[in-house]
């Protein structure tokens, strides 16, 4: 009852107040009046920075604040199982059958011109570190070249052996060999001699070579190793020559560079029974010492070899000495990884000319040669090598060299004063020396797409500038070759070689003229092919054809070669 009375009282007071306010407003509307308002500054509102107050909410929920322990129980029921897992089997990679290797190889062949070929090689492992090597090679023919009136047979047999040992720190070995060669000076100018004179010529020459050498190499040492070789060479005309070569080498690494030092001692001594005029004997004896220091700089794609060859030559026979300094600078840059590698350099050396090397270059020289070393003052070259694509490599090179006393083979004149020896009928060659400058441009391409096919070709163009000689005797201006090997399946192997030698010039003596005459020797192609069939793993048969075109071209003046040559044979591999 009291609450109801209070509510009525409040409502009544509010009503009275509203009536009074309405009356006051009505009085004011009767006289509003005027009023002046001055605006002092235009209103420019700004927005203040608001700061959020991070308040972590307070949780008073007892459910979230109190952790309760939960206990889990498992109702386990045993189940009987009859499953038995099968054993797993690893899948292995399918391996190619391992090639069966043999330590011995033997080959025998026979052909026309009564030709015979024998090759034998064996390498026996004495234990894990020691090996014994032995080889025998024989190549001969009984001759039979058309229109040749003298004996044109030849014989070449060599026997070599060696011992090798290698361990963790070093390797060393010794080797030796003996070689016997027989050739005949059959290239006489036939129009100059009667039949009786020809019958009286003893054209046979025999060469003998005995060698003994050794080498030693160290791992992780500044002394890299050394090589030594002694060779005795003599012939059937009481000519003889001894040569001893010692070559130690050193290397000192310095960061990415290293310093190398090569030393070479070369002793040569020999004699001939007489000179070509049969007036005096010929003797020679030289000791050459060469020191070759160098600094090798290796960068990521750049290699620079800065060195020199310092040579001291002592002519023991002539009691004379000379001193030479040659450049030995080489550089290469891997411009495009494996595809374009430019290179350049300048080198020089003193070459010890000797009877043995002259015979290997031309087996028809006379045993009356004058020995003079060749001074190659410089050989400047520039080139680029690399790959056209994977499996196809190339090399292009140009060079220019200056050589003093460069040796040249030249025909010996007919010795009318003394025709007692088989080489004095204008059928042998001497060696003359001349100062020369040689320009060479060479290119080669090798194709090795896979293990079954290999192809290569090269060509070289040369230009000679002689000082005294009218021509660069017996040197061609063009040389080239092509070779190919092709594996046909698992049984057949085919191969071919093609050689080209351009025109050469020589100087010969004729009785019709007072002066010798320059003659041209035609260039020639020599095409060779071979085919082999593997009868079984150790046994194979082969057939070879040389000079397929059948051209009896002249290799030297008045020296035609054999025509088409066919040889067949077999080879056998086994363990000894």
Protein backbone atom coordinates (compact mmCIF):
# COMPACT_ATOMS: atom_id res chain seq x y z
CA UNK A 1 0.00 0.00 0.00
CA UNK A 2 2.87 2.29 0.80
CA UNK A 3 4.59 1.56 -2.51
CA UNK A 4 1.51 2.50 -4.54
CA UNK A 5 1.23 5.89 -2.70
CA UNK A 6 4.84 6.78 -3.53
CA UNK A 7 4.41 6.11 -7.24
CA UNK A 8 1.34 8.35 -7.50
CA UNK A 9 3.25 11.16 -5.77
CA UNK A 10 6.19 11.01 -8.17
CA UNK A 11 4.01 11.06 -11.28
CA UNK A 12 2.22 14.10 -9.98
CA UNK A 13 5.41 16.09 -9.47
CA UNK A 14 6.62 15.33 -13.00
CA UNK A 15 3.41 16.56 -14.50
CA UNK A 16 3.56 19.83 -12.63
CA UNK A 17 7.14 20.45 -13.75
CA UNK A 18 6.22 19.96 -17.38
CA UNK A 19 3.42 22.51 -17.17
CA UNK A 20 5.72 25.12 -15.62
CA UNK A 21 8.41 24.66 -18.31
CA UNK A 22 5.89 24.98 -21.09
CA UNK A 23 4.67 28.26 -19.66
CA UNK A 24 8.21 29.68 -19.50
CA UNK A 25 8.91 28.77 -23.08
CA UNK A 26 5.77 30.37 -24.29
CA UNK A 27 6.85 33.62 -22.55
CA UNK A 28 10.20 33.59 -24.28
CA UNK A 29 8.78 33.03 -27.77
CA UNK A 30 6.94 36.24 -27.45
CA UNK A 31 10.32 38.23 -27.51
CA UNK A 32 13.27 36.29 -28.95
CA UNK A 33 15.58 39.30 -29.55
CA UNK A 34 18.90 39.47 -31.49
CA UNK A 35 22.36 38.12 -30.69
CA UNK A 36 25.80 38.56 -32.35
CA UNK A 37 28.19 35.60 -32.59
CA UNK A 38 31.90 36.19 -33.47
CA UNK A 39 33.76 33.24 -34.99
CA UNK A 40 37.34 33.52 -33.80
CA UNK A 41 38.86 30.29 -35.45
CA UNK A 42 37.57 27.80 -37.90
CA UNK A 43 37.00 24.47 -36.29
CA UNK A 44 39.65 21.91 -37.22
CA UNK A 45 38.98 18.54 -35.73
CA UNK A 46 41.84 16.08 -35.10
CA UNK A 47 41.91 12.39 -34.50
CA UNK A 48 43.91 11.25 -31.53
CA UNK A 49 45.89 8.01 -31.27
CA UNK A 50 44.07 5.19 -29.73
CA UNK A 51 45.93 2.75 -27.51
CA UNK A 52 44.59 -0.70 -27.08
CA UNK A 53 44.93 -1.99 -23.60
CA UNK A 54 45.74 -5.68 -23.65
CA UNK A 55 44.09 -7.21 -20.71
CA UNK A 56 44.22 -10.93 -20.28
CA UNK A 57 40.75 -12.12 -19.45
CA UNK A 58 40.39 -13.64 -16.11
CA UNK A 59 38.93 -17.07 -16.19
CA UNK A 60 37.12 -18.11 -13.10
CA UNK A 61 35.76 -21.28 -14.68
CA UNK A 62 36.74 -24.10 -12.43
CA UNK A 63 36.37 -26.54 -15.32
CA UNK A 64 39.23 -25.03 -17.32
CA UNK A 65 41.54 -24.28 -14.42
CA UNK A 66 41.47 -27.61 -12.69
CA UNK A 67 43.17 -30.63 -14.34
CA UNK A 68 41.57 -33.93 -13.85
CA UNK A 69 43.26 -37.34 -14.02
CA UNK A 70 41.78 -39.73 -16.55
CA UNK A 71 42.42 -43.44 -16.26
CA UNK A 72 42.26 -45.64 -19.38
CA UNK A 73 41.69 -49.35 -19.35
CA UNK A 74 41.92 -51.85 -22.25
CA UNK A 75 39.70 -54.83 -22.48
CA UNK A 76 42.04 -57.42 -24.11
CA UNK A 77 40.68 -60.55 -25.67
CA UNK A 78 43.18 -63.12 -27.12
CA UNK A 79 42.61 -63.96 -30.81
CA UNK A 80 44.13 -67.00 -32.45
CA UNK A 81 45.95 -66.33 -35.81
CA UNK A 82 47.07 -68.83 -38.42
CA UNK A 83 48.84 -66.23 -40.70
CA UNK A 84 52.48 -67.02 -41.48
CA UNK A 85 54.39 -64.23 -43.35
CA UNK A 86 56.55 -65.32 -46.29
CA UNK A 87 60.26 -64.51 -46.26
CA UNK A 88 61.14 -61.48 -48.35
CA UNK A 89 63.58 -61.81 -51.28
CA UNK A 90 65.73 -58.83 -52.28
CA UNK A 91 65.61 -57.87 -55.94
CA UNK A 92 69.16 -57.55 -57.31
CA UNK A 93 70.41 -55.48 -60.23
CA UNK A 94 71.03 -57.41 -63.40
CA UNK A 95 74.77 -57.36 -63.93
CA UNK A 96 76.50 -57.57 -67.26
CA UNK A 97 78.63 -60.68 -67.61
CA UNK A 98 82.16 -60.04 -66.40
CA UNK A 99 84.66 -59.89 -69.22
CA UNK A 100 87.18 -62.66 -69.00
CA UNK A 101 90.70 -61.26 -69.05
CA UNK A 102 93.90 -63.07 -70.02
CA UNK A 103 97.48 -62.18 -69.28
CA UNK A 104 98.96 -63.44 -72.56
CA UNK A 105 98.32 -62.62 -76.20
CA UNK A 106 99.81 -64.24 -79.32
CA UNK A 107 99.20 -63.46 -83.00
CA UNK A 108 100.59 -64.94 -86.23
CA UNK A 109 99.97 -63.81 -89.82
CA UNK A 110 101.19 -64.66 -93.35
CA UNK A 111 100.75 -62.77 -96.60
CA UNK A 112 101.93 -62.18 -100.15
CA UNK A 113 105.47 -60.90 -100.79
CA UNK A 114 106.31 -63.76 -98.36
CA UNK A 115 105.39 -61.49 -95.48
CA UNK A 116 105.26 -62.76 -91.91
CA UNK A 117 103.98 -61.21 -88.69
CA UNK A 118 104.41 -62.42 -85.10
CA UNK A 119 103.20 -60.63 -81.97
CA UNK A 120 103.48 -61.97 -78.45
CA UNK A 121 102.84 -60.20 -75.15
CA UNK A 122 102.44 -61.40 -71.57
CA UNK A 123 102.09 -59.61 -68.23
CA UNK A 124 102.43 -61.87 -65.21
CA UNK A 125 101.41 -60.63 -61.75
CA UNK A 126 103.96 -61.98 -59.30
CA UNK A 127 101.88 -60.62 -56.40
CA UNK A 128 99.67 -57.59 -55.67
CA UNK A 129 102.59 -55.19 -56.07
CA UNK A 130 104.88 -56.76 -58.65
CA UNK A 131 104.48 -57.45 -62.38
CA UNK A 132 106.69 -58.99 -65.03
CA UNK A 133 106.17 -58.01 -68.71
CA UNK A 134 107.56 -59.63 -71.84
CA UNK A 135 106.93 -58.93 -75.55
CA UNK A 136 108.18 -60.21 -78.90
CA UNK A 137 107.45 -58.57 -82.27
CA UNK A 138 108.50 -59.68 -85.73
CA UNK A 139 107.68 -58.21 -89.13
CA UNK A 140 109.39 -59.29 -92.34
CA UNK A 141 108.98 -59.69 -96.08
CA UNK A 142 111.03 -61.47 -98.74
CA UNK A 143 110.41 -58.65 -101.21
CA UNK A 144 109.39 -58.97 -104.83
CA UNK A 145 108.62 -55.41 -105.96
CA UNK A 146 108.23 -55.18 -109.73
CA UNK A 147 111.13 -53.70 -111.73
CA UNK A 148 113.47 -53.75 -108.72
CA UNK A 149 116.72 -55.55 -109.59
CA UNK A 150 118.35 -55.58 -106.14
CA UNK A 151 117.24 -57.42 -103.04
CA UNK A 152 114.32 -55.55 -101.43
CA UNK A 153 113.59 -57.83 -98.48
CA UNK A 154 113.39 -56.48 -94.93
CA UNK A 155 113.44 -57.92 -91.42
CA UNK A 156 112.50 -56.30 -88.10
CA UNK A 157 112.45 -58.21 -84.80
CA UNK A 158 112.39 -56.83 -81.25
CA UNK A 159 112.36 -58.44 -77.81
CA UNK A 160 111.49 -56.39 -74.71
CA UNK A 161 111.05 -57.16 -71.03
CA UNK A 162 110.33 -55.23 -67.86
CA UNK A 163 109.70 -55.46 -64.14
CA UNK A 164 107.28 -53.14 -62.28
CA UNK A 165 106.64 -52.63 -58.56
CA UNK A 166 104.13 -50.29 -56.90
CA UNK A 167 103.20 -49.67 -53.27
CA UNK A 168 101.51 -46.89 -51.28
CA UNK A 169 104.46 -44.52 -51.37
CA UNK A 170 106.34 -45.12 -54.57
CA UNK A 171 106.58 -47.11 -57.80
CA UNK A 172 109.61 -48.15 -59.76
CA UNK A 173 110.60 -50.40 -62.61
CA UNK A 174 113.38 -51.54 -64.89
CA UNK A 175 113.15 -52.48 -68.56
CA UNK A 176 115.37 -53.60 -71.38
CA UNK A 177 115.23 -54.76 -74.95
CA UNK A 178 117.03 -55.82 -78.10
CA UNK A 179 116.12 -55.09 -81.72
CA UNK A 180 117.51 -56.43 -84.98
CA UNK A 181 116.69 -54.81 -88.35
CA UNK A 182 117.80 -55.73 -91.87
CA UNK A 183 117.20 -53.51 -94.90
CA UNK A 184 118.64 -53.23 -98.40
CA UNK A 185 119.68 -50.21 -100.46
CA UNK A 186 117.69 -51.39 -103.49
CA UNK A 187 116.86 -47.96 -104.97
CA UNK A 188 119.61 -47.55 -107.57
CA UNK A 189 119.21 -45.54 -110.78
CA UNK A 190 119.29 -48.63 -113.04
CA UNK A 191 120.09 -46.77 -116.26
CA UNK A 192 123.54 -45.89 -114.94
CA UNK A 193 124.82 -49.43 -114.41
CA UNK A 194 125.33 -52.56 -116.39
CA UNK A 195 124.03 -55.93 -115.33
CA UNK A 196 127.46 -57.07 -114.20
CA UNK A 197 127.88 -53.97 -112.05
CA UNK A 198 124.47 -54.52 -110.47
CA UNK A 199 125.33 -58.13 -109.68
CA UNK A 200 128.41 -56.97 -107.80
CA UNK A 201 126.55 -54.65 -105.42
CA UNK A 202 126.22 -55.77 -101.80
CA UNK A 203 123.13 -53.80 -100.79
CA UNK A 204 122.51 -55.30 -97.35
CA UNK A 205 122.54 -53.24 -94.14
CA UNK A 206 121.90 -54.51 -90.59
CA UNK A 207 121.02 -52.45 -87.50
CA UNK A 208 121.21 -53.52 -83.86
CA UNK A 209 119.76 -51.78 -80.80
CA UNK A 210 120.24 -52.70 -77.13
CA UNK A 211 118.50 -50.67 -74.42
CA UNK A 212 118.39 -50.67 -70.64
CA UNK A 213 116.37 -48.24 -68.55
CA UNK A 214 114.51 -47.62 -65.35
CA UNK A 215 112.19 -45.19 -63.60
CA UNK A 216 111.11 -44.31 -60.08
CA UNK A 217 108.12 -42.17 -58.97
CA UNK A 218 107.30 -40.90 -55.48
CA UNK A 219 103.89 -39.94 -54.11
CA UNK A 220 103.39 -36.87 -51.90
CA UNK A 221 106.98 -35.71 -52.27
CA UNK A 222 108.67 -32.67 -53.77
CA UNK A 223 110.97 -35.14 -55.57
CA UNK A 224 108.54 -36.48 -58.17
CA UNK A 225 110.87 -39.10 -59.61
CA UNK A 226 113.53 -39.82 -62.19
CA UNK A 227 114.09 -41.72 -65.44
CA UNK A 228 117.27 -43.20 -66.85
CA UNK A 229 117.99 -44.86 -70.20
CA UNK A 230 121.09 -46.22 -71.87
CA UNK A 231 121.08 -47.23 -75.55
CA UNK A 232 123.72 -48.86 -77.68
CA UNK A 233 123.11 -48.67 -81.45
CA UNK A 234 125.37 -50.12 -84.13
CA UNK A 235 125.24 -51.41 -87.72
CA UNK A 236 126.96 -53.81 -90.11
CA UNK A 237 129.55 -51.19 -91.20
CA UNK A 238 131.39 -50.77 -87.90
CA UNK A 239 129.35 -47.68 -86.99
CA UNK A 240 128.36 -47.35 -83.34
CA UNK A 241 126.65 -44.94 -80.99
CA UNK A 242 126.10 -44.71 -77.21
CA UNK A 243 123.51 -42.51 -75.55
CA UNK A 244 122.79 -42.00 -71.85
CA UNK A 245 119.88 -39.88 -70.58
CA UNK A 246 119.13 -39.01 -66.92
CA UNK A 247 115.97 -37.02 -66.08
CA UNK A 248 115.09 -36.20 -62.44
CA UNK A 249 112.09 -33.92 -61.75
CA UNK A 250 110.94 -31.87 -58.76
CA UNK A 251 107.67 -30.16 -57.80
CA UNK A 252 106.86 -27.78 -54.91
CA UNK A 253 103.17 -26.83 -54.36
CA UNK A 254 102.44 -23.25 -53.21
CA UNK A 255 98.72 -22.64 -52.54
CA UNK A 256 96.97 -22.95 -55.92
CA UNK A 257 100.30 -22.70 -57.77
CA UNK A 258 103.33 -24.91 -57.82
CA UNK A 259 106.93 -24.66 -58.92
CA UNK A 260 108.39 -27.45 -61.02
CA UNK A 261 111.97 -28.10 -61.97
CA UNK A 262 113.15 -30.51 -64.62
CA UNK A 263 116.75 -31.54 -65.17
CA UNK A 264 118.08 -33.50 -68.14
CA UNK A 265 121.57 -34.85 -68.72
CA UNK A 266 122.07 -36.14 -72.27
CA UNK A 267 125.38 -37.74 -73.25
CA UNK A 268 125.91 -38.84 -76.87
CA UNK A 269 129.03 -40.44 -78.33
CA UNK A 270 129.46 -42.22 -81.66
CA UNK A 271 131.60 -42.81 -84.71
CA UNK A 272 131.45 -43.80 -88.39
CA UNK A 273 134.20 -45.70 -90.16
CA UNK A 274 134.38 -43.06 -92.91
CA UNK A 275 132.60 -40.13 -94.45
CA UNK A 276 130.81 -40.50 -97.79
CA UNK A 277 133.96 -39.64 -99.75
CA UNK A 278 135.80 -42.41 -97.87
CA UNK A 279 138.59 -40.04 -96.86
CA UNK A 280 138.21 -39.60 -93.09
CA UNK A 281 136.37 -41.20 -90.22
CA UNK A 282 133.64 -39.32 -88.36
CA UNK A 283 133.46 -38.99 -84.59
CA UNK A 284 131.14 -37.03 -82.33
CA UNK A 285 130.73 -36.64 -78.58
CA UNK A 286 128.39 -34.20 -76.82
CA UNK A 287 127.15 -33.62 -73.28
CA UNK A 288 124.02 -31.49 -72.98
CA UNK A 289 122.67 -30.28 -69.63
CA UNK A 290 119.18 -28.77 -69.55
CA UNK A 291 117.52 -27.10 -66.54
CA UNK A 292 113.82 -26.27 -66.94
CA UNK A 293 112.36 -24.19 -64.06
CA UNK A 294 108.71 -23.21 -64.23
CA UNK A 295 105.84 -21.67 -62.30
CA UNK A 296 102.41 -23.20 -62.90
CA UNK A 297 99.43 -20.96 -62.07
CA UNK A 298 96.08 -22.70 -61.71
CA UNK A 299 92.85 -20.72 -61.54
CA UNK A 300 89.28 -21.92 -61.96
CA UNK A 301 89.38 -21.98 -65.77
CA UNK A 302 92.88 -20.67 -66.48
CA UNK A 303 96.22 -22.47 -66.51
CA UNK A 304 99.49 -20.62 -67.11
CA UNK A 305 102.92 -22.25 -67.24
CA UNK A 306 105.75 -19.72 -67.02
CA UNK A 307 109.11 -21.35 -67.59
CA UNK A 308 112.35 -21.50 -69.53
CA UNK A 309 114.84 -24.05 -70.83
CA UNK A 310 118.43 -23.25 -69.91
CA UNK A 311 120.87 -25.41 -71.89
CA UNK A 312 124.60 -25.87 -71.67
CA UNK A 313 126.23 -27.95 -74.44
CA UNK A 314 129.77 -29.22 -74.24
CA UNK A 315 131.23 -30.58 -77.48
CA UNK A 316 133.73 -33.04 -76.05
CA UNK A 317 135.14 -34.11 -79.44
CA UNK A 318 135.60 -30.55 -80.68
CA UNK A 319 136.50 -29.01 -77.28
CA UNK A 320 133.81 -26.37 -77.67
CA UNK A 321 130.83 -25.26 -75.63
CA UNK A 322 127.64 -23.23 -76.10
CA UNK A 323 125.00 -21.70 -73.85
CA UNK A 324 121.30 -21.35 -74.81
CA UNK A 325 118.17 -19.92 -73.16
CA UNK A 326 114.76 -20.81 -74.61
CA UNK A 327 111.25 -19.71 -73.63
CA UNK A 328 108.82 -22.28 -72.26
CA UNK A 329 105.53 -20.44 -71.77
CA UNK A 330 102.11 -22.03 -72.20
CA UNK A 331 98.56 -20.94 -71.34
CA UNK A 332 95.06 -22.32 -71.78
CA UNK A 333 91.62 -21.01 -70.82
CA UNK A 334 88.43 -23.03 -70.47
CA UNK A 335 86.17 -20.51 -72.18
CA UNK A 336 83.14 -22.79 -72.56
CA UNK A 337 83.28 -25.85 -70.31
CA UNK A 338 84.92 -28.63 -72.37
CA UNK A 339 83.62 -27.15 -75.65
CA UNK A 340 85.91 -24.17 -76.34
CA UNK A 341 89.43 -24.11 -74.85
CA UNK A 342 91.81 -21.59 -76.45
CA UNK A 343 95.53 -22.10 -75.86
CA UNK A 344 98.83 -20.51 -76.87
CA UNK A 345 102.50 -20.66 -76.07
CA UNK A 346 106.12 -20.13 -77.04
CA UNK A 347 108.71 -22.88 -76.57
CA UNK A 348 112.23 -23.71 -77.68
CA UNK A 349 114.82 -26.47 -77.25
CA UNK A 350 118.15 -27.90 -78.31
CA UNK A 351 117.67 -31.28 -80.02
CA UNK A 352 120.42 -33.89 -79.85
CA UNK A 353 120.40 -35.40 -83.36
CA UNK A 354 121.63 -39.00 -83.41
CA UNK A 355 122.18 -41.95 -85.74
CA UNK A 356 119.44 -44.11 -84.21
CA UNK A 357 116.68 -41.54 -84.80
CA UNK A 358 117.86 -40.82 -88.36
CA UNK A 359 117.65 -44.54 -89.19
CA UNK A 360 114.10 -44.81 -87.83
CA UNK A 361 113.11 -41.85 -90.00
CA UNK A 362 114.78 -43.25 -93.13
CA UNK A 363 116.23 -46.77 -93.05
CA UNK A 364 118.18 -46.12 -96.29
CA UNK A 365 120.64 -43.55 -94.93
CA UNK A 366 124.33 -44.21 -95.42
CA UNK A 367 126.60 -44.85 -92.40
CA UNK A 368 128.45 -41.61 -93.10
CA UNK A 369 126.40 -38.95 -91.32
CA UNK A 370 127.59 -35.73 -89.75
CA UNK A 371 125.96 -35.15 -86.32
CA UNK A 372 125.02 -31.57 -85.41
CA UNK A 373 122.40 -30.56 -82.79
CA UNK A 374 119.36 -28.55 -83.92
CA UNK A 375 118.72 -25.18 -82.29
CA UNK A 376 114.98 -24.47 -82.23
CA UNK A 377 115.07 -20.82 -81.21
CA UNK A 378 111.33 -20.56 -80.79
CA UNK A 379 108.10 -22.28 -81.69
CA UNK A 380 105.13 -19.95 -81.24
CA UNK A 381 101.69 -21.53 -81.48
CA UNK A 382 98.06 -20.64 -80.92
CA UNK A 383 95.00 -22.83 -81.18
CA UNK A 384 91.63 -23.88 -79.86
CA UNK A 385 90.39 -27.32 -78.88
CA UNK A 386 87.28 -28.81 -77.34
CA UNK A 387 84.09 -30.49 -78.48
CA UNK A 388 81.50 -29.75 -81.13
CA UNK A 389 79.13 -31.99 -79.16
CA UNK A 390 79.38 -34.94 -76.82
CA UNK A 391 81.64 -37.53 -78.45
CA UNK A 392 82.97 -35.19 -81.17
CA UNK A 393 86.25 -33.43 -80.35
CA UNK A 394 88.39 -31.04 -82.37
CA UNK A 395 91.76 -29.30 -82.31
CA UNK A 396 92.86 -26.40 -84.53
CA UNK A 397 96.43 -25.14 -84.26
CA UNK A 398 98.73 -22.74 -86.05
CA UNK A 399 102.46 -22.42 -85.37
CA UNK A 400 105.54 -20.60 -86.58
CA UNK A 401 109.03 -21.82 -85.69
CA UNK A 402 112.64 -20.86 -86.38
CA UNK A 403 115.20 -23.70 -86.35
CA UNK A 404 118.93 -23.46 -86.92
CA UNK A 405 120.63 -26.60 -88.29
CA UNK A 406 117.36 -28.34 -89.13
CA UNK A 407 118.21 -31.81 -90.59
CA UNK A 408 117.01 -32.74 -94.09
CA UNK A 409 117.31 -36.10 -95.88
CA UNK A 410 118.85 -35.74 -99.33
CA UNK A 411 119.98 -38.30 -101.92
CA UNK A 412 123.66 -39.05 -101.96
CA UNK A 413 125.44 -38.47 -105.23
CA UNK A 414 126.98 -41.39 -107.07
CA UNK A 415 130.47 -41.95 -105.72
CA UNK A 416 132.46 -42.50 -108.92
CA UNK A 417 135.76 -42.52 -107.05
CA UNK A 418 134.93 -45.43 -104.78
CA UNK A 419 132.10 -47.84 -105.62
CA UNK A 420 133.15 -50.44 -103.12
CA UNK A 421 130.27 -50.04 -100.64
CA UNK A 422 126.65 -51.00 -101.26
CA UNK A 423 125.41 -47.49 -100.44
CA UNK A 424 127.66 -45.54 -102.85
CA UNK A 425 125.68 -46.07 -106.08
CA UNK A 426 123.31 -43.13 -105.63
CA UNK A 427 121.01 -45.45 -103.69
CA UNK A 428 121.38 -43.99 -100.17
CA UNK A 429 120.60 -40.77 -98.36
CA UNK A 430 122.67 -38.33 -96.36
CA UNK A 431 121.67 -35.61 -93.92
CA UNK A 432 122.23 -31.91 -94.61
CA UNK A 433 121.47 -29.03 -92.25
CA UNK A 434 119.93 -25.66 -92.96
CA UNK A 435 118.43 -22.73 -91.04
CA UNK A 436 114.69 -22.81 -91.61
CA UNK A 437 111.45 -21.08 -90.69
CA UNK A 438 108.35 -23.26 -90.77
CA UNK A 439 104.69 -22.15 -90.84
CA UNK A 440 102.17 -24.87 -89.98
CA UNK A 441 98.36 -24.99 -89.86
CA UNK A 442 96.86 -28.17 -88.46
CA UNK A 443 93.37 -29.45 -87.74
CA UNK A 444 91.96 -32.70 -86.42
CA UNK A 445 88.56 -34.14 -85.51
CA UNK A 446 87.85 -37.23 -83.40
CA UNK A 447 84.44 -38.91 -83.27
CA UNK A 448 83.89 -41.34 -80.40
CA UNK A 449 80.13 -41.70 -80.12
CA UNK A 450 80.17 -45.02 -78.31
CA UNK A 451 82.48 -47.93 -77.63
CA UNK A 452 81.56 -49.53 -80.95
CA UNK A 453 82.54 -46.71 -83.31
CA UNK A 454 85.56 -44.44 -83.50
CA UNK A 455 86.53 -42.09 -86.33
CA UNK A 456 89.36 -39.60 -86.64
CA UNK A 457 90.87 -37.38 -89.31
CA UNK A 458 93.64 -34.82 -89.39
CA UNK A 459 95.38 -32.61 -91.92
CA UNK A 460 98.41 -30.33 -91.82
CA UNK A 461 99.57 -27.67 -94.27
CA UNK A 462 103.19 -26.49 -94.11
CA UNK A 463 105.26 -23.75 -95.67
CA UNK A 464 109.10 -23.79 -95.50
CA UNK A 465 111.55 -20.95 -95.78
CA UNK A 466 115.13 -22.19 -96.18
CA UNK A 467 118.34 -20.22 -95.86
CA UNK A 468 120.77 -21.98 -98.21
CA UNK A 469 118.97 -25.04 -99.58
CA UNK A 470 116.95 -24.57 -102.74
CA UNK A 471 114.11 -26.63 -101.26
CA UNK A 472 113.13 -28.28 -98.00
CA UNK A 473 114.36 -31.65 -99.22
CA UNK A 474 111.92 -34.56 -98.83
CA UNK A 475 109.48 -32.57 -96.69
CA UNK A 476 105.84 -32.51 -97.90
CA UNK A 477 103.70 -29.39 -97.81
CA UNK A 478 100.50 -31.39 -97.13
CA UNK A 479 99.94 -34.36 -94.83
CA UNK A 480 96.71 -36.03 -93.80
CA UNK A 481 95.20 -39.22 -92.44
CA UNK A 482 91.85 -40.84 -91.67
CA UNK A 483 91.30 -43.80 -89.37
CA UNK A 484 88.18 -45.72 -88.32
CA UNK A 485 87.27 -48.65 -86.05
CA UNK A 486 83.81 -50.23 -85.97
CA UNK A 487 82.58 -53.05 -83.75
CA UNK A 488 79.87 -55.00 -85.61
CA UNK A 489 77.88 -56.98 -83.08
CA UNK A 490 79.85 -59.16 -80.71
CA UNK A 491 81.88 -61.08 -83.29
CA UNK A 492 83.12 -58.70 -85.99
CA UNK A 493 85.57 -55.81 -85.83
CA UNK A 494 86.37 -53.68 -88.89
CA UNK A 495 88.89 -50.89 -89.33
CA UNK A 496 90.46 -48.73 -92.01
CA UNK A 497 93.32 -46.22 -92.37
CA UNK A 498 94.03 -43.75 -95.14
CA UNK A 499 97.24 -41.74 -95.40
CA UNK A 500 98.12 -38.93 -97.78
CA UNK A 501 101.56 -37.38 -98.23
CA UNK A 502 101.96 -34.50 -100.67
CA UNK A 503 104.63 -33.81 -103.24
CA UNK A 504 108.27 -33.65 -102.11
CA UNK A 505 111.49 -32.57 -103.79
CA UNK A 506 114.96 -34.08 -103.78
CA UNK A 507 118.35 -33.42 -105.32
CA UNK A 508 119.95 -36.20 -107.37
CA UNK A 509 123.17 -36.52 -109.31
CA UNK A 510 123.14 -37.40 -113.00
CA UNK A 511 126.20 -38.03 -115.21
CA UNK A 512 124.61 -36.10 -118.08
CA UNK A 513 124.70 -32.77 -116.20
CA UNK A 514 127.44 -30.95 -114.37
CA UNK A 515 125.12 -29.91 -111.55
CA UNK A 516 122.66 -32.03 -109.55
CA UNK A 517 119.03 -31.87 -110.63
CA UNK A 518 115.99 -31.08 -108.49
CA UNK A 519 113.34 -33.78 -108.96
CA UNK A 520 109.76 -33.96 -107.74
CA UNK A 521 108.34 -37.02 -106.00
CA UNK A 522 104.61 -37.37 -106.52
CA UNK A 523 102.26 -37.36 -103.58
CA UNK A 524 100.51 -40.61 -102.73
CA UNK A 525 97.50 -42.18 -101.02
CA UNK A 526 97.90 -45.34 -98.99
CA UNK A 527 94.63 -47.10 -98.08
CA UNK A 528 94.59 -49.93 -95.57
CA UNK A 529 91.74 -52.04 -94.15
CA UNK A 530 91.36 -54.89 -91.67
CA UNK A 531 88.63 -57.27 -90.56
CA UNK A 532 88.61 -59.58 -87.54
CA UNK A 533 86.17 -62.30 -86.44
CA UNK A 534 86.00 -63.67 -82.90
CA UNK A 535 85.68 -67.42 -83.24
CA UNK A 536 85.55 -67.88 -79.45
CA UNK A 537 86.50 -65.86 -76.41
CA UNK A 538 90.22 -66.63 -76.69
CA UNK A 539 90.47 -67.23 -80.46
CA UNK A 540 89.96 -64.78 -83.33
CA UNK A 541 90.89 -64.66 -87.01
CA UNK A 542 91.84 -61.60 -89.06
CA UNK A 543 92.62 -60.45 -92.57
CA UNK A 544 94.44 -57.25 -93.54
CA UNK A 545 94.85 -55.40 -96.81
CA UNK A 546 97.51 -52.70 -97.20
CA UNK A 547 97.96 -50.30 -100.12
CA UNK A 548 94.57 -51.36 -101.48
CA UNK A 549 94.91 -49.05 -104.48
CA UNK A 550 97.96 -51.09 -105.54
CA UNK A 551 100.08 -48.03 -106.25
CA UNK A 552 103.79 -48.78 -106.23
CA UNK A 553 104.52 -45.17 -105.40
CA UNK A 554 107.95 -43.89 -104.44
CA UNK A 555 108.43 -43.23 -100.75
CA UNK A 556 111.91 -41.87 -101.56
CA UNK A 557 113.65 -41.27 -104.88
CA UNK A 558 114.03 -44.63 -106.70
CA UNK A 559 112.42 -46.46 -103.78
CA UNK A 560 109.02 -47.85 -104.84
CA UNK A 561 106.95 -49.62 -102.18
CA UNK A 562 105.13 -52.93 -102.39
CA UNK A 563 101.76 -52.95 -104.15
CA UNK A 564 98.59 -54.57 -102.79
CA UNK A 565 99.47 -56.59 -99.69
CA UNK A 566 97.12 -59.20 -98.22
CA UNK A 567 97.77 -60.90 -94.91
CA UNK A 568 95.65 -63.41 -92.98
CA UNK A 569 96.22 -64.86 -89.54
CA UNK A 570 94.87 -65.67 -86.11
CA UNK A 571 95.34 -64.45 -82.55
CA UNK A 572 94.89 -66.34 -79.32
CA UNK A 573 94.54 -65.15 -75.70
CA UNK A 574 95.33 -67.33 -72.72
CA UNK A 575 96.75 -67.33 -69.20
CA UNK A 576 100.37 -68.16 -68.72
